[in-house]
PDB file of N, CA and C in Angstrom:
ATOM      1  N   UNK A   1      24.475 -37.031 -31.357  1.00  0.00           N
ATOM      2  CA  UNK A   1      24.384 -37.398 -29.910  1.00  0.00           C
ATOM      3  C   UNK A   1      23.312 -38.096 -29.773  1.00  0.00           C
ATOM      4  N   UNK A   2      23.087 -39.191 -28.987  1.00  0.00           N
ATOM      5  CA  UNK A   2      22.130 -40.294 -28.626  1.00  0.00           C
ATOM      6  C   UNK A   2      21.416 -39.663 -27.573  1.00  0.00           C
ATOM      7  N   UNK A   3      20.204 -39.595 -27.743  1.00  0.00           N
ATOM      8  CA  UNK A   3      19.430 -39.587 -26.300  1.00  0.00           C
ATOM      9  C   UNK A   3      18.618 -40.934 -25.944  1.00  0.00           C
ATOM     10  N   UNK A   4      19.113 -41.354 -24.846  1.00  0.00           N
ATOM     11  CA  UNK A   4      18.588 -42.314 -24.103  1.00  0.00           C
ATOM     12  C   UNK A   4      17.454 -42.121 -23.172  1.00  0.00           C
ATOM     13  N   UNK A   5      16.382 -42.706 -23.417  1.00  0.00           N
ATOM     14  CA  UNK A   5      15.199 -42.425 -22.609  1.00  0.00           C
ATOM     15  C   UNK A   5      14.950 -44.014 -21.754  1.00  0.00           C
ATOM     16  N   UNK A   6      15.318 -43.687 -20.608  1.00  0.00           N
ATOM     17  CA  UNK A   6      15.018 -44.932 -19.514  1.00  0.00           C
ATOM     18  C   UNK A   6      13.902 -44.816 -18.644  1.00  0.00           C
ATOM     19  N   UNK A   7      12.767 -45.719 -18.635  1.00  0.00           N
ATOM     20  CA  UNK A   7      11.738 -45.889 -17.902  1.00  0.00           C
ATOM     21  C   UNK A   7      11.884 -46.668 -16.552  1.00  0.00           C
ATOM     22  N   UNK A   8      11.498 -45.988 -15.557  1.00  0.00           N
ATOM     23  CA  UNK A   8      11.422 -46.698 -14.197  1.00  0.00           C
ATOM     24  C   UNK A   8      10.370 -46.051 -13.540  1.00  0.00           C
ATOM     25  N   UNK A   9       9.218 -46.855 -13.464  1.00  0.00           N
ATOM     26  CA  UNK A   9       8.181 -46.179 -13.063  1.00  0.00           C
ATOM     27  C   UNK A   9       7.444 -47.103 -11.786  1.00  0.00           C
ATOM     28  N   UNK A  10       8.341 -48.008 -11.321  1.00  0.00           N
ATOM     29  CA  UNK A  10       7.823 -48.735 -10.463  1.00  0.00           C
ATOM     30  C   UNK A  10       8.088 -48.742  -8.926  1.00  0.00           C
ATOM     31  N   UNK A  11       9.651 -48.976  -8.651  1.00  0.00           N
ATOM     32  CA  UNK A  11       9.921 -48.959  -7.389  1.00  0.00           C
ATOM     33  C   UNK A  11      11.191 -48.112  -7.058  1.00  0.00           C
ATOM     34  N   UNK A  12      11.319 -47.646  -6.027  1.00  0.00           N
ATOM     35  CA  UNK A  12      12.065 -46.613  -5.525  1.00  0.00           C
ATOM     36  C   UNK A  12      13.899 -47.455  -5.684  1.00  0.00           C
ATOM     37  N   UNK A  13      13.743 -48.726  -4.966  1.00  0.00           N
ATOM     38  CA  UNK A  13      14.900 -49.460  -4.973  1.00  0.00           C
ATOM     39  C   UNK A  13      15.384 -49.721  -6.146  1.00  0.00           C
ATOM     40  N   UNK A  14      14.546 -50.174  -7.349  1.00  0.00           N
ATOM     41  CA  UNK A  14      15.062 -50.290  -8.607  1.00  0.00           C
ATOM     42  C   UNK A  14      15.651 -49.258  -9.219  1.00  0.00           C
ATOM     43  N   UNK A  15      15.301 -47.867  -8.879  1.00  0.00           N
ATOM     44  CA  UNK A  15      15.709 -46.755  -9.227  1.00  0.00           C
ATOM     45  C   UNK A  15      17.246 -46.510  -8.910  1.00  0.00           C
ATOM     46  N   UNK A  16      17.304 -46.859  -7.768  1.00  0.00           N
ATOM     47  CA  UNK A  16      18.700 -46.673  -6.917  1.00  0.00           C
ATOM     48  C   UNK A  16      19.671 -47.713  -7.276  1.00  0.00           C
ATOM     49  N   UNK A  17      19.133 -48.818  -7.647  1.00  0.00           N
ATOM     50  CA  UNK A  17      19.969 -49.861  -8.203  1.00  0.00           C
ATOM     51  C   UNK A  17      20.475 -49.647  -9.672  1.00  0.00           C
ATOM     52  N   UNK A  18      19.376 -48.852 -10.347  1.00  0.00           N
ATOM     53  CA  UNK A  18      20.053 -48.668 -11.871  1.00  0.00           C
ATOM     54  C   UNK A  18      21.122 -47.810 -11.993  1.00  0.00           C
ATOM     55  N   UNK A  19      21.685 -46.894 -10.902  1.00  0.00           N
ATOM     56  CA  UNK A  19      22.661 -46.141 -10.821  1.00  0.00           C
ATOM     57  C   UNK A  19      23.679 -46.705 -11.696  1.00  0.00           C
ATOM     58  N   UNK A  20      24.097 -48.048 -11.581  1.00  0.00           N
ATOM     59  CA  UNK A  20      25.242 -48.696 -12.133  1.00  0.00           C
ATOM     60  C   UNK A  20      24.974 -48.612 -13.734  1.00  0.00           C
ATOM     61  N   UNK A  21      23.734 -48.897 -14.047  1.00  0.00           N
ATOM     62  CA  UNK A  21      23.255 -49.085 -15.571  1.00  0.00           C
ATOM     63  C   UNK A  21      23.552 -47.666 -16.132  1.00  0.00           C
ATOM     64  N   UNK A  22      23.316 -46.664 -15.458  1.00  0.00           N
ATOM     65  CA  UNK A  22      23.504 -45.026 -15.885  1.00  0.00           C
ATOM     66  C   UNK A  22      24.787 -44.705 -16.157  1.00  0.00           C
ATOM     67  N   UNK A  23      25.736 -45.059 -15.080  1.00  0.00           N
ATOM     68  CA  UNK A  23      27.050 -44.963 -15.330  1.00  0.00           C
ATOM     69  C   UNK A  23      27.588 -45.742 -16.353  1.00  0.00           C
ATOM     70  N   UNK A  24      27.590 -46.972 -16.687  1.00  0.00           N
ATOM     71  CA  UNK A  24      27.814 -47.800 -17.619  1.00  0.00           C
ATOM     72  C   UNK A  24      27.530 -47.148 -19.399  1.00  0.00           C
ATOM     73  N   UNK A  25      26.172 -46.588 -19.268  1.00  0.00           N
ATOM     74  CA  UNK A  25      25.531 -45.899 -20.480  1.00  0.00           C
ATOM     75  C   UNK A  25      26.576 -44.598 -21.004  1.00  0.00           C
ATOM     76  N   UNK A  26      26.917 -43.950 -19.701  1.00  0.00           N
ATOM     77  CA  UNK A  26      27.788 -42.624 -19.890  1.00  0.00           C
ATOM     78  C   UNK A  26      29.209 -43.014 -20.371  1.00  0.00           C
ATOM     79  N   UNK A  27      29.796 -44.274 -19.669  1.00  0.00           N
ATOM     80  CA  UNK A  27      31.246 -44.545 -19.984  1.00  0.00           C
ATOM     81  C   UNK A  27      31.329 -44.987 -21.505  1.00  0.00           C
ATOM     82  N   UNK A  28      30.187 -45.699 -21.708  1.00  0.00           N
ATOM     83  CA  UNK A  28      30.049 -46.385 -23.094  1.00  0.00           C
ATOM     84  C   UNK A  28      29.880 -45.217 -24.382  1.00  0.00           C
ATOM     85  N   UNK A  29      28.725 -44.463 -23.859  1.00  0.00           N
ATOM     86  CA  UNK A  29      28.295 -43.406 -24.857  1.00  0.00           C
ATOM     87  C   UNK A  29      28.460 -42.199 -24.297  1.00  0.00           C
ATOM     88  N   UNK A  30      29.708 -41.625 -24.127  1.00  0.00           N
ATOM     89  CA  UNK A  30      30.174 -40.392 -23.272  1.00  0.00           C
ATOM     90  C   UNK A  30      29.349 -38.995 -23.944  1.00  0.00           C
ATOM     91  N   UNK A  31      28.700 -39.019 -25.214  1.00  0.00           N
ATOM     92  CA  UNK A  31      28.330 -38.216 -26.117  1.00  0.00           C
ATOM     93  C   UNK A  31      26.800 -38.220 -25.739  1.00  0.00           C
ATOM     94  N   UNK A  32      26.182 -38.973 -25.144  1.00  0.00           N
ATOM     95  CA  UNK A  32      24.733 -39.417 -24.947  1.00  0.00           C
ATOM     96  C   UNK A  32      24.396 -38.625 -24.131  1.00  0.00           C
ATOM     97  N   UNK A  33      22.745 -38.315 -23.985  1.00  0.00           N
ATOM     98  CA  UNK A  33      22.341 -37.685 -23.082  1.00  0.00           C
ATOM     99  C   UNK A  33      21.131 -38.750 -22.445  1.00  0.00           C
ATOM    100  N   UNK A  34      21.286 -38.855 -21.180  1.00  0.00           N
ATOM    101  CA  UNK A  34      20.407 -40.035 -20.611  1.00  0.00           C
ATOM    102  C   UNK A  34      19.431 -39.173 -19.823  1.00  0.00           C
ATOM    103  N   UNK A  35      18.132 -39.835 -20.367  1.00  0.00           N
ATOM    104  CA  UNK A  35      16.692 -39.032 -19.858  1.00  0.00           C
ATOM    105  C   UNK A  35      16.058 -40.069 -19.308  1.00  0.00           C
ATOM    106  N   UNK A  36      15.799 -40.008 -18.025  1.00  0.00           N
ATOM    107  CA  UNK A  36      14.873 -40.720 -17.109  1.00  0.00           C
ATOM    108  C   UNK A  36      13.439 -40.392 -16.620  1.00  0.00           C
ATOM    109  N   UNK A  37      12.863 -41.137 -17.004  1.00  0.00           N
ATOM    110  CA  UNK A  37      11.287 -41.124 -16.972  1.00  0.00           C
ATOM    111  C   UNK A  37      10.959 -41.651 -15.562  1.00  0.00           C
ATOM    112  N   UNK A  38      10.368 -41.223 -14.643  1.00  0.00           N
ATOM    113  CA  UNK A  38      10.107 -41.567 -13.125  1.00  0.00           C
ATOM    114  C   UNK A  38       8.565 -41.215 -12.579  1.00  0.00           C
ATOM    115  N   UNK A  39       8.080 -42.196 -11.825  1.00  0.00           N
ATOM    116  CA  UNK A  39       7.097 -41.671 -11.110  1.00  0.00           C
ATOM    117  C   UNK A  39       7.080 -40.501 -10.481  1.00  0.00           C
ATOM    118  N   UNK A  40       5.981 -39.615 -10.481  1.00  0.00           N
ATOM    119  CA  UNK A  40       6.434 -38.524  -9.855  1.00  0.00           C
ATOM    120  C   UNK A  40       6.448 -38.844  -8.136  1.00  0.00           C
ATOM    121  N   UNK A  41       6.223 -39.922  -7.626  1.00  0.00           N
ATOM    122  CA  UNK A  41       6.238 -40.243  -6.138  1.00  0.00           C
ATOM    123  C   UNK A  41       7.889 -40.501  -5.861  1.00  0.00           C
ATOM    124  N   UNK A  42       8.843 -40.323  -7.059  1.00  0.00           N
ATOM    125  CA  UNK A  42      10.162 -40.449  -6.731  1.00  0.00           C
ATOM    126  C   UNK A  42      10.946 -39.127  -7.314  1.00  0.00           C
ATOM    127  N   UNK A  43      10.166 -38.031  -7.348  1.00  0.00           N
ATOM    128  CA  UNK A  43      10.631 -36.738  -7.883  1.00  0.00           C
ATOM    129  C   UNK A  43      11.602 -36.019  -6.839  1.00  0.00           C
ATOM    130  N   UNK A  44      11.445 -36.384  -5.547  1.00  0.00           N
ATOM    131  CA  UNK A  44      12.019 -35.854  -4.794  1.00  0.00           C
ATOM    132  C   UNK A  44      13.543 -36.260  -4.704  1.00  0.00           C
ATOM    133  N   UNK A  45      13.569 -37.510  -4.878  1.00  0.00           N
ATOM    134  CA  UNK A  45      15.187 -38.077  -4.659  1.00  0.00           C
ATOM    135  C   UNK A  45      15.911 -37.894  -6.049  1.00  0.00           C
ATOM    136  N   UNK A  46      15.060 -37.505  -7.217  1.00  0.00           N
ATOM    137  CA  UNK A  46      15.603 -37.301  -8.631  1.00  0.00           C
ATOM    138  C   UNK A  46      17.041 -36.500  -8.762  1.00  0.00           C
ATOM    139  N   UNK A  47      17.065 -35.382  -7.654  1.00  0.00           N
ATOM    140  CA  UNK A  47      18.506 -34.590  -7.775  1.00  0.00           C
ATOM    141  C   UNK A  47      19.660 -35.538  -7.416  1.00  0.00           C
ATOM    142  N   UNK A  48      19.255 -36.416  -6.593  1.00  0.00           N
ATOM    143  CA  UNK A  48      20.611 -37.196  -6.266  1.00  0.00           C
ATOM    144  C   UNK A  48      20.922 -38.544  -7.203  1.00  0.00           C
ATOM    145  N   UNK A  49      20.338 -38.685  -8.106  1.00  0.00           N
ATOM    146  CA  UNK A  49      20.661 -39.705  -9.322  1.00  0.00           C
ATOM    147  C   UNK A  49      21.567 -39.197 -10.094  1.00  0.00           C
ATOM    148  N   UNK A  50      22.950 -39.733 -10.011  1.00  0.00           N
ATOM    149  CA  UNK A  50      24.055 -39.422 -10.706  1.00  0.00           C
ATOM    150  C   UNK A  50      24.019 -40.179 -12.262  1.00  0.00           C
ATOM    151  N   UNK A  51      24.594 -39.536 -13.038  1.00  0.00           N
ATOM    152  CA  UNK A  51      24.744 -39.966 -14.654  1.00  0.00           C
ATOM    153  C   UNK A  51      23.403 -39.709 -15.499  1.00  0.00           C
ATOM    154  N   UNK A  52      22.601 -38.998 -14.954  1.00  0.00           N
ATOM    155  CA  UNK A  52      21.229 -38.637 -15.680  1.00  0.00           C
ATOM    156  C   UNK A  52      21.387 -37.160 -15.943  1.00  0.00           C
ATOM    157  N   UNK A  53      21.161 -36.946 -17.363  1.00  0.00           N
ATOM    158  CA  UNK A  53      21.144 -35.679 -17.833  1.00  0.00           C
ATOM    159  C   UNK A  53      19.756 -35.007 -17.465  1.00  0.00           C
ATOM    160  N   UNK A  54      18.589 -35.698 -17.638  1.00  0.00           N
ATOM    161  CA  UNK A  54      17.154 -35.029 -17.412  1.00  0.00           C
ATOM    162  C   UNK A  54      16.471 -35.904 -16.961  1.00  0.00           C
ATOM    163  N   UNK A  55      15.450 -35.699 -15.940  1.00  0.00           N
ATOM    164  CA  UNK A  55      14.622 -36.621 -15.431  1.00  0.00           C
ATOM    165  C   UNK A  55      13.180 -36.033 -15.618  1.00  0.00           C
ATOM    166  N   UNK A  56      12.217 -36.653 -15.883  1.00  0.00           N
ATOM    167  CA  UNK A  56      10.831 -36.361 -16.101  1.00  0.00           C
ATOM    168  C   UNK A  56       9.918 -37.211 -15.062  1.00  0.00           C
ATOM    169  N   UNK A  57       9.443 -36.605 -14.426  1.00  0.00           N
ATOM    170  CA  UNK A  57       8.512 -37.405 -13.327  1.00  0.00           C
ATOM    171  C   UNK A  57       7.241 -37.141 -13.872  1.00  0.00           C
ATOM    172  N   UNK A  58       6.421 -38.411 -13.850  1.00  0.00           N
ATOM    173  CA  UNK A  58       5.161 -38.289 -14.333  1.00  0.00           C
ATOM    174  C   UNK A  58       4.163 -39.047 -13.547  1.00  0.00           C
ATOM    175  N   UNK A  59       2.893 -38.593 -13.834  1.00  0.00           N
ATOM    176  CA  UNK A  59       1.918 -39.069 -13.117  1.00  0.00           C
ATOM    177  C   UNK A  59       1.284 -40.329 -13.688  1.00  0.00           C
ATOM    178  N   UNK A  60       1.425 -41.519 -13.074  1.00  0.00           N
ATOM    179  CA  UNK A  60       1.181 -43.121 -13.738  1.00  0.00           C
ATOM    180  C   UNK A  60      -0.086 -43.458 -13.804  1.00  0.00           C
ATOM    181  N   UNK A  61      -0.984 -42.361 -13.096  1.00  0.00           N
ATOM    182  CA  UNK A  61      -2.622 -42.722 -12.831  1.00  0.00           C
ATOM    183  C   UNK A  61      -2.971 -42.831 -14.369  1.00  0.00           C
ATOM    184  N   UNK A  62      -3.762 -44.186 -14.502  1.00  0.00           N
ATOM    185  CA  UNK A  62      -4.370 -44.178 -15.617  1.00  0.00           C
ATOM    186  C   UNK A  62      -3.340 -44.906 -16.867  1.00  0.00           C
ATOM    187  N   UNK A  63      -2.334 -45.059 -16.405  1.00  0.00           N
ATOM    188  CA  UNK A  63      -1.549 -45.748 -17.507  1.00  0.00           C
ATOM    189  C   UNK A  63      -1.912 -47.088 -17.966  1.00  0.00           C
ATOM    190  N   UNK A  64      -2.415 -47.936 -17.061  1.00  0.00           N
ATOM    191  CA  UNK A  64      -2.742 -49.413 -17.698  1.00  0.00           C
ATOM    192  C   UNK A  64      -3.828 -49.108 -18.760  1.00  0.00           C
ATOM    193  N   UNK A  65      -4.612 -48.265 -18.553  1.00  0.00           N
ATOM    194  CA  UNK A  65      -5.719 -47.898 -19.390  1.00  0.00           C
ATOM    195  C   UNK A  65      -5.372 -47.330 -20.898  1.00  0.00           C
ATOM    196  N   UNK A  66      -4.031 -46.506 -20.830  1.00  0.00           N
ATOM    197  CA  UNK A  66      -3.472 -46.107 -22.004  1.00  0.00           C
ATOM    198  C   UNK A  66      -2.703 -47.094 -22.749  1.00  0.00           C
ATOM    199  N   UNK A  67      -1.975 -47.991 -21.888  1.00  0.00           N
ATOM    200  CA  UNK A  67      -1.433 -49.134 -22.565  1.00  0.00           C
ATOM    201  C   UNK A  67      -2.272 -50.205 -23.249  1.00  0.00           C
ATOM    202  N   UNK A  68      -3.486 -50.349 -22.421  1.00  0.00           N
ATOM    203  CA  UNK A  68      -4.475 -51.225 -23.049  1.00  0.00           C
ATOM    204  C   UNK A  68      -4.981 -50.865 -24.273  1.00  0.00           C
ATOM    205  N   UNK A  69      -5.308 -49.431 -24.513  1.00  0.00           N
ATOM    206  CA  UNK A  69      -5.665 -49.073 -25.621  1.00  0.00           C
ATOM    207  C   UNK A  69      -4.788 -48.899 -26.744  1.00  0.00           C
ATOM    208  N   UNK A  70      -3.471 -49.288 -26.313  1.00  0.00           N
ATOM    209  CA  UNK A  70      -2.477 -49.361 -27.175  1.00  0.00           C
ATOM    210  C   UNK A  70      -1.920 -50.740 -27.542  1.00  0.00           C
ATOM    211  N   UNK A  71      -2.733 -51.861 -27.296  1.00  0.00           N
ATOM    212  CA  UNK A  71      -2.511 -53.119 -27.313  1.00  0.00           C
ATOM    213  C   UNK A  71      -1.260 -53.600 -26.445  1.00  0.00           C
ATOM    214  N   UNK A  72      -0.958 -52.655 -25.297  1.00  0.00           N
ATOM    215  CA  UNK A  72       0.218 -53.120 -24.287  1.00  0.00           C
ATOM    216  C   UNK A  72       1.622 -52.858 -24.901  1.00  0.00           C
ATOM    217  N   UNK A  73       1.701 -51.802 -26.069  1.00  0.00           N
ATOM    218  CA  UNK A  73       2.833 -51.446 -26.821  1.00  0.00           C
ATOM    219  C   UNK A  73       3.296 -50.120 -26.300  1.00  0.00           C
ATOM    220  N   UNK A  74       4.271 -50.088 -25.475  1.00  0.00           N
ATOM    221  CA  UNK A  74       5.033 -48.627 -25.074  1.00  0.00           C
ATOM    222  C   UNK A  74       5.679 -48.040 -26.405  1.00  0.00           C
ATOM    223  N   UNK A  75       4.772 -47.234 -26.888  1.00  0.00           N
ATOM    224  CA  UNK A  75       5.306 -46.333 -28.219  1.00  0.00           C
ATOM    225  C   UNK A  75       5.253 -45.011 -27.777  1.00  0.00           C
ATOM    226  N   UNK A  76       5.926 -44.323 -28.814  1.00  0.00           N
ATOM    227  CA  UNK A  76       5.783 -42.715 -28.571  1.00  0.00           C
ATOM    228  C   UNK A  76       4.622 -42.251 -28.463  1.00  0.00           C
ATOM    229  N   UNK A  77       3.682 -42.501 -29.130  1.00  0.00           N
ATOM    230  CA  UNK A  77       2.125 -42.039 -28.696  1.00  0.00           C
ATOM    231  C   UNK A  77       1.828 -42.316 -27.297  1.00  0.00           C
ATOM    232  N   UNK A  78       2.202 -43.422 -26.708  1.00  0.00           N
ATOM    233  CA  UNK A  78       1.914 -43.700 -25.137  1.00  0.00           C
ATOM    234  C   UNK A  78       2.618 -42.606 -24.536  1.00  0.00           C
ATOM    235  N   UNK A  79       3.997 -42.350 -24.724  1.00  0.00           N
ATOM    236  CA  UNK A  79       4.964 -41.414 -24.118  1.00  0.00           C
ATOM    237  C   UNK A  79       4.272 -39.996 -24.230  1.00  0.00           C
ATOM    238  N   UNK A  80       3.758 -39.805 -25.645  1.00  0.00           N
ATOM    239  CA  UNK A  80       3.119 -38.268 -25.681  1.00  0.00           C
ATOM    240  C   UNK A  80       1.901 -38.232 -24.691  1.00  0.00           C
ATOM    241  N   UNK A  81       1.295 -39.367 -24.769  1.00  0.00           N
ATOM    242  CA  UNK A  81      -0.164 -39.182 -23.839  1.00  0.00           C
ATOM    243  C   UNK A  81       0.108 -38.997 -22.413  1.00  0.00           C
ATOM    244  N   UNK A  82       1.332 -39.572 -22.026  1.00  0.00           N
ATOM    245  CA  UNK A  82       1.943 -39.337 -20.709  1.00  0.00           C
ATOM    246  C   UNK A  82       2.535 -38.143 -20.386  1.00  0.00           C
ATOM    247  N   UNK A  83       2.536 -37.041 -21.535  1.00  0.00           N
ATOM    248  CA  UNK A  83       3.277 -35.764 -21.381  1.00  0.00           C
ATOM    249  C   UNK A  83       4.883 -36.044 -21.270  1.00  0.00           C
ATOM    250  N   UNK A  84       5.094 -36.933 -21.614  1.00  0.00           N
ATOM    251  CA  UNK A  84       6.923 -37.084 -21.635  1.00  0.00           C
ATOM    252  C   UNK A  84       7.278 -36.683 -22.827  1.00  0.00           C
ATOM    253  N   UNK A  85       7.742 -35.416 -22.409  1.00  0.00           N
ATOM    254  CA  UNK A  85       8.408 -34.543 -23.610  1.00  0.00           C
ATOM    255  C   UNK A  85       9.717 -34.023 -23.047  1.00  0.00           C
ATOM    256  N   UNK A  86      10.854 -34.329 -23.915  1.00  0.00           N
ATOM    257  CA  UNK A  86      11.904 -33.761 -23.319  1.00  0.00           C
ATOM    258  C   UNK A  86      12.669 -32.491 -24.344  1.00  0.00           C
ATOM    259  N   UNK A  87      13.358 -31.794 -23.779  1.00  0.00           N
ATOM    260  CA  UNK A  87      14.009 -30.887 -24.607  1.00  0.00           C
ATOM    261  C   UNK A  87      15.252 -31.368 -25.429  1.00  0.00           C
ATOM    262  N   UNK A  88      15.211 -31.062 -26.644  1.00  0.00           N
ATOM    263  CA  UNK A  88      16.335 -31.603 -27.619  1.00  0.00           C
ATOM    264  C   UNK A  88      16.644 -33.124 -27.783  1.00  0.00           C
TER     265      UNK A  88
END
């Protein structure tokens, strides 16, 4: 099973417009688990986002400093420092 993590940390409109992408992923990879990382500001709408198996709202405060310390590479270490941990 593929775990696909999608980061959408900026705008609610972008998140809503991404629904077509989530659907296409699920149609192309039906066995996949789509995991969505969003800004905690969007947590309230997350139950209404279809085709996503799991949502992780995070506090993006300090994200720019974390990325700067990591040479602006969004790595697994950056996700761990933001407490982005998924089950399975």
